Protein backbone atom coordinates (compact mmCIF):
# COMPACT_ATOMS: atom_id res chain seq x y z
CA MET A 1 161.26 87.73 68.74
CA ASP A 2 162.20 90.10 65.69
CA GLY A 3 165.94 89.51 65.33
CA MET A 4 166.68 93.14 66.18
CA ALA A 5 169.77 93.60 68.51
CA LEU A 6 169.60 96.42 71.23
CA GLY A 7 172.42 98.70 70.17
CA LYS A 8 175.25 99.94 72.27
CA ASP A 9 173.83 103.33 72.54
CA TYR A 10 170.78 105.64 71.76
CA ALA A 11 171.97 107.59 68.73
CA THR A 12 168.84 108.12 67.17
CA GLN A 13 167.15 109.19 70.59
CA GLU A 14 167.03 113.06 71.12
CA CYS A 15 166.41 112.92 74.82
CA SER A 16 168.64 113.50 77.98
CA ILE A 17 167.16 110.23 79.51
CA ALA A 18 168.38 108.27 76.64
CA ARG A 19 172.08 109.93 77.03
CA ALA A 20 172.07 109.29 80.95
CA LEU A 21 171.26 105.59 80.12
CA GLU A 22 174.07 105.28 77.95
CA ILE A 23 176.19 105.86 81.04
CA VAL A 24 174.30 104.50 83.86
CA GLY A 25 171.36 102.30 82.27
CA GLU A 26 173.17 98.67 83.37
CA ARG A 27 172.10 97.44 86.19
CA TRP A 28 175.44 96.71 87.64
CA THR A 29 176.53 100.36 87.18
CA LEU A 30 173.52 101.66 89.44
CA LEU A 31 174.30 99.18 92.01
CA VAL A 32 178.24 100.26 92.04
CA VAL A 33 176.75 103.85 92.31
CA ARG A 34 174.35 102.99 95.07
CA ASP A 35 177.46 101.31 96.90
CA ALA A 36 179.58 104.31 96.49
CA LEU A 37 176.94 106.40 98.23
CA TYR A 38 176.93 104.01 101.09
CA GLY A 39 180.76 104.69 101.28
CA VAL A 40 181.99 101.59 99.47
CA ARG A 41 185.39 102.70 97.79
CA ARG A 42 187.58 99.62 97.47
CA TYR A 43 187.46 97.22 94.74
CA ASN A 44 187.08 94.16 96.74
CA ASP A 45 184.38 95.67 98.98
CA PHE A 46 182.27 96.40 95.97
CA LEU A 47 183.13 92.68 94.62
CA VAL A 48 182.11 90.83 97.95
CA HIS A 49 179.21 93.29 98.45
CA LEU A 50 177.61 92.85 94.90
CA GLY A 51 178.64 89.58 93.92
CA ILE A 52 179.72 90.93 90.56
CA PRO A 53 182.02 89.26 88.11
CA ARG A 54 185.43 90.66 88.41
CA ALA A 55 185.51 91.57 84.44
CA VAL A 56 182.46 93.43 84.72
CA LEU A 57 183.22 95.38 88.01
CA ALA A 58 186.63 96.30 86.34
CA ALA A 59 184.71 97.48 83.44
CA ARG A 60 181.86 99.44 85.18
CA LEU A 61 184.40 101.17 87.53
CA GLN A 62 186.36 102.08 84.31
CA THR A 63 183.35 103.70 82.58
CA LEU A 64 182.34 105.51 85.71
CA THR A 65 185.78 107.12 86.24
CA ALA A 66 185.89 107.96 82.60
CA GLU A 67 182.57 109.58 82.71
CA GLY A 68 183.49 111.88 85.76
CA ILE A 69 181.36 109.89 88.29
CA LEU A 70 183.79 108.42 90.10
CA VAL A 71 187.44 109.38 90.78
CA LYS A 72 190.26 107.03 91.58
CA ARG A 73 192.22 107.71 94.66
CA ARG A 74 195.50 106.19 95.83
CA TYR A 75 195.17 105.32 99.40
CA GLN A 76 198.12 102.87 99.87
CA GLU A 77 201.64 103.18 98.20
CA SER A 78 203.12 99.59 98.75
CA PRO A 79 201.49 97.69 97.52
CA PRO A 80 199.81 100.39 95.22
CA ARG A 81 195.87 100.47 96.12
CA GLU A 82 193.39 102.61 95.06
CA GLU A 83 189.81 103.56 96.10
CA TYR A 84 186.96 104.98 94.01
CA VAL A 85 185.25 108.00 95.61
CA LEU A 86 181.92 109.75 94.23
CA THR A 87 182.45 112.99 92.61
CA GLU A 88 179.92 116.00 92.47
CA ARG A 89 178.50 114.33 89.47
CA GLY A 90 178.24 111.15 90.79
CA THR A 91 176.58 112.17 93.91
CA ALA A 92 173.78 114.04 91.92
CA LEU A 93 172.60 110.63 91.18
CA TRP A 94 171.25 110.61 94.46
CA PRO A 95 167.92 111.61 93.65
CA ALA A 96 167.32 109.14 90.94
CA LEU A 97 168.69 105.95 93.18
CA ARG A 98 166.24 107.41 95.83
CA ALA A 99 163.31 107.31 93.58
CA LEU A 100 164.25 103.99 92.00
CA GLY A 101 164.28 102.90 95.66
CA LEU A 102 161.09 104.27 96.69
CA TRP A 103 159.46 102.80 93.47
CA GLY A 104 160.97 99.50 94.39
CA ARG A 105 160.01 99.62 97.98
CA GLU A 106 156.33 100.61 97.31
CA HIS A 107 155.89 97.72 94.47
CA PHE A 108 158.19 94.91 95.60
CA ALA A 109 159.21 95.10 99.28
CA THR A 110 157.53 93.59 102.11
CA GLU A 111 159.75 95.11 105.00
CA GLN A 112 161.49 98.22 104.80
CA LEU A 113 165.44 97.58 104.36
CA ARG A 114 166.76 101.11 105.21
CA TYR A 115 165.40 104.46 106.40
CA PHE A 116 167.17 107.44 105.22
CA ARG A 117 166.89 110.24 107.81
CA HIS A 118 168.09 114.16 108.29
CA ALA A 119 171.33 113.91 110.17
CA ASP A 120 170.43 117.40 111.94
CA CYS A 121 166.79 116.13 113.55
CA GLY A 122 166.52 112.71 112.52
CA THR A 123 163.33 113.10 110.64
CA GLU A 124 162.65 110.48 107.86
CA LEU A 125 163.17 112.04 104.29
CA GLY A 126 160.53 112.71 102.12
CA PRO A 127 160.48 111.28 98.42
CA TYR A 128 162.21 114.02 97.09
CA GLY A 129 164.89 114.12 99.60
CA GLU A 130 163.38 116.60 101.57
CA CYS A 131 163.29 117.07 105.38
CA PRO A 132 159.49 117.58 106.43
CA ALA A 133 160.61 118.96 109.71
CA CYS A 134 163.07 121.43 108.67
CA GLY A 135 161.55 121.99 105.00
CA THR A 136 164.67 121.96 103.16
CA ILE A 137 166.30 119.56 100.67
CA VAL A 138 168.69 117.59 102.61
CA PRO A 139 172.44 117.68 101.12
CA VAL A 140 173.55 114.21 100.50
CA PRO A 141 176.37 114.04 103.19
CA ASP A 142 173.71 115.27 105.88
CA VAL A 143 171.58 112.16 105.07
CA ILE A 144 171.73 109.26 107.74
CA MET A 145 171.14 105.60 106.60
CA VAL A 146 169.69 103.37 109.43
CA PRO A 147 169.08 99.46 108.91
CA GLY A 148 165.57 98.58 108.64
CA PRO A 149 163.78 95.51 109.82
CA GLY A 150 163.96 93.81 106.34
CA LEU A 151 167.62 93.41 106.45
CA ASP A 152 169.46 90.23 107.32
CA PRO A 153 170.64 90.65 110.99
CA ASP A 154 173.58 88.31 110.27
CA PRO A 155 174.97 88.66 106.47
CA ALA A 156 177.99 86.65 105.30
CA ASP A 157 179.73 89.77 103.76
CA PRO A 158 181.71 92.15 105.75
CA VAL A 159 180.15 95.12 103.74
CA SER A 160 176.62 94.05 104.46
CA ARG A 161 177.85 93.66 108.29
CA ALA A 162 179.27 97.47 108.19
CA LEU A 163 175.96 98.63 106.75
CA LEU A 164 173.86 97.43 109.61
CA ARG A 165 175.40 100.41 111.65
CA PRO A 166 173.44 103.67 111.19
CA ARG A 167 175.97 105.71 108.93
CA ARG A 168 175.94 108.99 107.09
CA LEU A 169 176.00 108.78 103.39
CA LEU A 170 179.29 109.33 101.33
CA GLN A 171 181.65 108.46 104.56
CA PRO A 172 184.23 106.14 103.86
CA LEU A 173 183.06 102.53 104.86
CA GLU A 174 185.41 100.59 107.33
CA THR A 175 185.02 96.80 106.84
CA ASP A 176 185.80 94.48 109.78
CA PRO A 177 188.24 91.80 109.25
CA VAL A 178 186.90 88.65 108.14
């Protein structure tokens, strides 16, 4: 090893990919955004589904909120509780996450974990988020996520159990009480 530490940012890189990586280039960050697309909104749901350390989750949520990718909304007054909802800027990460998911499926998966379908006609989305049957790019709220054969049919956490049902992306996830 040459002793050079990787810096916190990419100041010498004149590149939009480098700038994006400063915000979302850490693995937990993309998994938080993925879960938010799936409808996860509450701190504890992110915590149990991701198995992420509390301090890391708090830091990632703070960064995503500061960068306008998530917005914090109060959903309960007593005691005060907040949820994290994707903004338009956050939802715009869907194509990048879709591409990463397809790449991962092609190169590392043995069984399909999830299908993403067009809500209007039920057709599985193409690689660019398009509906091959309708010939249109499908807006994120019109995407239905359907569990595939590779998912654990009896997961331990309530978020994974709730994700075993077909659901539209971005719809708030309701978990069953444990």
